Structures are given as structure tokens and as C-alpha cells.
Amino acid sequence: MTDTITLAPSLLAGKQDALGESLKLAESAKVKWLHLDIMDGHFVPNISFGPKALTDLRAQSELYFDVHLMLSNPDAHIESFINAGADSITIHCEPNYPIEDTLSLIRARGIKSGIALNPETDIEAILPYLRFVDLVLVMTVNPGFGGQSFIPSCLEKVSQLKNLKENENYNYKIEVDGGVTLENAAECLQSGADILVCGTAFYKSRNPQQFHQDILDIKLG
């Protein structure tokens, strides 16, 4: 069980023709984090937005920008997203690129670093990088599209990461992304998640501020 809960609304589920409006909706819900999915149409079968959009949003907000790079070559774009205003940058373990060097570059620039793994990826793939990261992102849907159904079996990885963190004295936070709702949030938190990325469930809720409060009010045994 986590001591603190962070809700990070995913801007991908907001109004794509009015990103600033979607950002302000998140702010009105009193959240502290905003999750920004950057997709290249290659590593995942969709394209979202780039550093220019991030720069424009940063000029409007002081929210913590949790940037998730779903790119085949994230190492080539780190500087752009740091300069655009990212507070943390999470990269995937699946593509072939210098992962450890990329994580080192992120942290050398004073930005929090994270490593992500897809539902079909074994946890062993990220074990070499756990000592270098501030955040581990467990995808609970196949990345690339919003609105997908949550994959419960992925929570086994969350539990494993929680145990590794405690046993090896790591300092990372555990983030869950994909299909997270009020109905499964407690299970995510009980498994060890600290940060819940909510897209459709947040932006389609009748009252986003109440949705945030309901997440914070979850009682765990």
C-alpha cells in the first residue's frame, strides 16, 4: 500500500483541438500532475503531439509535467522535451537504443527519469535500470490508443516492483497507466502503485474534481 496517492490525468484523453482547455480542466480538479503521452506512429500506431505543444502548455501552467515518450528513438529527443518544460521523462525499455545513457542524460539535466514496460514485456527487461530511475511505469493496456480496457494481470508486475523496491532499497515511484478507473484504482494502489494515470475515466467524468477527491479518499486495508 502506498502512503501517498498521485492522480495524473492523461492529456491524450482531453480535447485534442483544445489542449489548453483540457489542461485547465485538470488544474480545476486540483491535481498536481499532468501526464503527457508523446507518440511517434512507429513504436506505437498513433501520433500525438511534440515539444512545441509542450512548450505552449508550459507557458500556461505550473503543473508537474510527467512526460511519457512512446518513441522508437527517445534518445534523439530528450533535449527537446527537457527544453520544452518536462519535469520528468519516462522512456520505454523495448526499443533498441542506449537506455542507460539516455537515463543518465535525463538525470544530468536535473529532470526525473523513468523506465516503462508494456504488458507483454517481462519485468526482467527493466531490472538493470532500476537503480537509475525515479519512476517505473507499468502499462496496463497496450500503448498507442486511449480508452482501452485495463489488463488486471499487469498488477503482478506492480507487486513485484514494490517488493524489489523494499528489498533492494530503491527509491522509485510506481506508476500505472492504462484503463485506470475508480473501480480498479484500489486494486492498483493495493498492489503498490503510487501514481495513477487516468485518461478517459477522468476526462469523461461528470465532475473531475470529485473524481480526484474520490481517488484520494480510497481506503485500503
Protein backbone atom coordinates (compact mmCIF):
# COMPACT_ATOMS: atom_id res chain seq x y z
CA MET A 1 0.00 0.00 0.00
CA THR A 2 1.28 3.44 -0.91
CA ASP A 3 1.50 6.24 1.64
CA THR A 4 0.53 8.95 -0.86
CA ILE A 5 -1.65 8.87 -3.95
CA THR A 6 -0.99 10.96 -7.05
CA LEU A 7 -3.56 11.26 -9.81
CA ALA A 8 -2.05 12.20 -13.18
CA PRO A 9 -4.74 12.94 -15.78
CA SER A 10 -3.63 11.94 -19.27
CA LEU A 11 -3.95 14.83 -21.69
CA LEU A 12 -4.33 12.35 -24.54
CA ALA A 13 -7.92 11.80 -23.37
CA GLY A 14 -8.68 15.51 -23.33
CA LYS A 15 -9.92 17.64 -26.22
CA GLN A 16 -7.23 17.39 -28.88
CA ASP A 17 -8.44 20.58 -30.56
CA ALA A 18 -8.19 22.47 -27.27
CA LEU A 19 -5.25 21.14 -25.24
CA GLY A 20 -5.07 24.31 -23.16
CA GLU A 21 -8.70 23.88 -22.17
CA SER A 22 -8.03 20.28 -21.15
CA LEU A 23 -5.03 21.41 -19.10
CA LYS A 24 -7.17 23.97 -17.29
CA LEU A 25 -9.78 21.30 -16.56
CA ALA A 26 -7.08 19.23 -14.88
CA GLU A 27 -5.98 22.26 -12.86
CA SER A 28 -9.56 22.92 -11.79
CA ALA A 29 -9.66 19.38 -10.38
CA LYS A 30 -6.78 20.34 -8.05
CA VAL A 31 -4.36 17.73 -9.38
CA LYS A 32 -0.63 18.36 -9.18
CA TRP A 33 0.49 16.21 -12.13
CA LEU A 34 -0.37 16.10 -15.82
CA HIS A 35 0.59 13.04 -17.89
CA LEU A 36 1.67 13.77 -21.47
CA ASP A 37 1.87 10.85 -23.91
CA ILE A 38 4.25 11.50 -26.81
CA MET A 39 3.68 9.00 -29.64
CA ASP A 40 5.57 8.66 -32.91
CA GLY A 41 3.38 6.42 -35.08
CA HIS A 42 6.24 3.90 -35.20
CA PHE A 43 6.84 2.45 -31.74
CA VAL A 44 3.07 2.77 -31.27
CA PRO A 45 0.43 3.01 -34.03
CA ASN A 46 -0.61 6.58 -33.34
CA ILE A 47 0.81 10.12 -33.31
CA SER A 48 0.08 12.67 -30.60
CA PHE A 49 1.95 15.92 -30.06
CA GLY A 50 5.53 17.13 -29.81
CA PRO A 51 7.75 19.55 -27.87
CA LYS A 52 6.13 22.69 -29.34
CA ALA A 53 2.78 21.74 -27.80
CA LEU A 54 4.57 21.07 -24.52
CA THR A 55 6.25 24.48 -24.65
CA ASP A 56 2.91 26.20 -25.22
CA LEU A 57 1.26 24.30 -22.38
CA ARG A 58 4.15 25.01 -20.02
CA ALA A 59 3.62 28.73 -20.57
CA GLN A 60 0.10 28.29 -19.18
CA SER A 61 0.73 26.08 -16.17
CA GLU A 62 2.95 25.13 -13.26
CA LEU A 63 1.63 21.57 -13.06
CA TYR A 64 4.19 18.78 -12.85
CA PHE A 65 4.61 17.61 -16.45
CA ASP A 66 5.00 13.83 -16.45
CA VAL A 67 6.21 13.14 -19.99
CA HIS A 68 5.92 9.61 -21.38
CA LEU A 69 7.92 9.08 -24.57
CA MET A 70 6.48 6.26 -26.65
CA LEU A 71 9.15 6.62 -29.31
CA SER A 72 11.44 4.26 -31.16
CA ASN A 73 14.40 6.60 -30.61
CA PRO A 74 13.74 8.62 -27.45
CA ASP A 75 17.46 9.30 -27.03
CA ALA A 76 17.28 11.65 -30.04
CA HIS A 77 14.53 13.78 -28.49
CA ILE A 78 15.41 14.11 -24.81
CA GLU A 79 16.87 17.61 -25.07
CA SER A 80 13.82 18.90 -26.94
CA PHE A 81 11.41 17.77 -24.24
CA ILE A 82 13.62 18.97 -21.41
CA ASN A 83 13.81 22.39 -23.06
CA ALA A 84 10.05 22.35 -23.57
CA GLY A 85 9.42 22.09 -19.84
CA ALA A 86 9.21 18.43 -18.82
CA ASP A 87 9.58 17.73 -15.10
CA SER A 88 10.05 14.00 -15.61
CA ILE A 89 10.70 11.92 -18.71
CA THR A 90 9.88 8.23 -18.93
CA ILE A 91 11.32 6.09 -21.72
CA HIS A 92 10.49 2.53 -22.81
CA CYS A 93 12.73 -0.49 -22.44
CA GLU A 94 11.53 -2.25 -25.61
CA PRO A 95 13.23 -0.30 -28.47
CA ASN A 96 16.90 -0.77 -29.31
CA TYR A 97 18.82 2.32 -28.16
CA PRO A 98 21.28 3.20 -25.35
CA ILE A 99 18.83 3.11 -22.45
CA GLU A 100 21.28 3.58 -19.59
CA ASP A 101 22.99 6.51 -21.32
CA THR A 102 19.61 8.10 -22.02
CA LEU A 103 18.52 7.81 -18.40
CA SER A 104 21.84 9.34 -17.34
CA LEU A 105 21.33 12.26 -19.72
CA ILE A 106 17.87 12.94 -18.31
CA ARG A 107 19.11 12.98 -14.74
CA ALA A 108 22.20 15.02 -15.61
CA ARG A 109 19.85 17.77 -16.76
CA GLY A 110 18.08 17.80 -13.40
CA ILE A 111 14.96 16.02 -14.64
CA LYS A 112 13.39 12.97 -13.00
CA SER A 113 13.85 9.80 -15.07
CA GLY A 114 11.56 6.85 -15.59
CA ILE A 115 11.50 3.49 -17.34
CA ALA A 116 8.33 1.95 -18.81
CA LEU A 117 7.36 -1.55 -19.87
CA ASN A 118 4.46 -2.79 -21.98
CA PRO A 119 2.01 -5.52 -20.89
CA GLU A 120 3.81 -8.27 -22.80
CA THR A 121 7.27 -7.26 -21.54
CA ASP A 122 8.76 -9.31 -18.70
CA ILE A 123 9.87 -7.40 -15.65
CA GLU A 124 13.39 -8.78 -16.15
CA ALA A 125 13.81 -6.33 -19.03
CA ILE A 126 13.94 -3.34 -16.68
CA LEU A 127 15.89 -4.84 -13.77
CA PRO A 128 19.26 -3.41 -14.96
CA TYR A 129 17.86 0.12 -14.88
CA LEU A 130 16.01 0.25 -11.55
CA ARG A 131 18.93 1.84 -9.72
CA PHE A 132 18.98 4.69 -12.26
CA VAL A 133 15.33 5.74 -12.20
CA ASP A 134 12.94 7.80 -10.12
CA LEU A 135 9.83 6.20 -11.60
CA VAL A 136 8.74 2.88 -13.09
CA LEU A 137 5.71 2.97 -15.38
CA VAL A 138 3.72 -0.23 -15.75
CA MET A 139 1.47 -0.15 -18.81
CA THR A 140 -1.86 -1.84 -18.09
CA VAL A 141 -3.04 -1.54 -21.71
CA ASN A 142 -1.18 -1.90 -24.99
CA PRO A 143 0.16 1.61 -25.67
CA GLY A 144 -0.93 3.82 -28.52
CA PHE A 145 -4.64 4.44 -28.02
CA GLY A 146 -6.81 5.80 -25.24
CA GLY A 147 -9.97 4.19 -23.91
CA GLN A 148 -8.72 0.59 -23.74
CA SER A 149 -9.72 -1.92 -21.08
CA PHE A 150 -7.50 -2.47 -18.07
CA ILE A 151 -5.39 -5.68 -18.05
CA PRO A 152 -5.52 -6.94 -14.42
CA SER A 153 -2.65 -9.41 -14.83
CA CYS A 154 -0.22 -6.47 -15.20
CA LEU A 155 -0.65 -5.74 -11.49
CA GLU A 156 1.59 -8.71 -10.73
CA LYS A 157 4.46 -6.57 -12.06
CA VAL A 158 3.41 -3.75 -9.74
CA SER A 159 3.59 -6.12 -6.77
CA GLN A 160 6.99 -7.39 -7.89
CA LEU A 161 8.28 -3.83 -8.26
CA LYS A 162 7.01 -2.95 -4.81
CA ASN A 163 8.83 -5.93 -3.31
CA LEU A 164 12.02 -5.13 -5.21
CA LYS A 165 11.86 -1.54 -4.01
CA GLU A 166 11.54 -2.62 -0.40
CA ASN A 167 14.09 -5.42 -0.54
CA GLU A 168 16.74 -3.59 -2.57
CA ASN A 169 16.18 -0.13 -1.08
CA TYR A 170 15.32 1.51 -4.41
CA ASN A 171 13.75 4.98 -4.45
CA TYR A 172 11.47 4.86 -7.48
CA LYS A 173 7.76 5.59 -7.54
CA ILE A 174 5.47 3.10 -9.29
CA GLU A 175 3.06 4.45 -11.88
CA VAL A 176 0.17 2.58 -13.54
CA ASP A 177 -1.12 3.72 -16.92
CA GLY A 178 -4.00 2.39 -18.98
CA GLY A 179 -7.68 1.79 -18.30
CA VAL A 180 -7.47 3.02 -14.70
CA THR A 181 -10.89 3.84 -13.24
CA LEU A 182 -12.48 4.39 -9.85
CA GLU A 183 -13.49 0.73 -9.97
CA ASN A 184 -9.95 -0.67 -10.25
CA ALA A 185 -7.92 2.13 -8.62
CA ALA A 186 -7.96 0.49 -5.19
CA GLU A 187 -6.54 -2.73 -6.63
CA CYS A 188 -3.75 -0.74 -8.30
CA LEU A 189 -2.89 1.02 -5.07
CA GLN A 190 -3.08 -2.16 -3.01
CA SER A 191 -0.60 -3.75 -5.40
CA GLY A 192 1.86 -0.94 -4.75
CA ALA A 193 1.16 1.86 -7.22
CA ASP A 194 1.92 5.41 -6.12
CA ILE A 195 0.74 7.24 -9.25
CA LEU A 196 -2.43 6.56 -11.23
CA VAL A 197 -2.63 7.81 -14.80
CA CYS A 198 -6.29 8.31 -15.68
CA GLY A 199 -7.35 9.40 -19.14
CA THR A 200 -10.85 8.58 -20.28
CA ALA A 201 -12.15 7.95 -16.76
CA PHE A 202 -11.02 11.41 -15.65
CA TYR A 203 -11.92 13.49 -18.68
CA LYS A 204 -15.30 11.79 -19.23
CA SER A 205 -16.30 12.05 -15.57
CA ARG A 206 -19.20 14.35 -14.75
CA ASN A 207 -17.15 16.10 -12.07
CA PRO A 208 -13.35 15.83 -12.47
CA GLN A 209 -12.68 17.49 -9.12
CA GLN A 210 -14.91 14.95 -7.36
CA PHE A 211 -13.20 12.17 -9.34
CA HIS A 212 -9.84 13.35 -7.98
CA GLN A 213 -11.22 13.50 -4.45
CA ASP A 214 -12.71 10.02 -4.79
CA ILE A 215 -9.26 8.70 -5.77
CA LEU A 216 -7.66 10.40 -2.77
CA ASP A 217 -10.38 9.03 -0.48
CA ILE A 218 -9.80 5.38 -1.40
CA LYS A 219 -9.49 3.34 1.77
CA LEU A 220 -7.15 0.38 1.64
CA GLY A 221 -6.93 -2.46 4.11
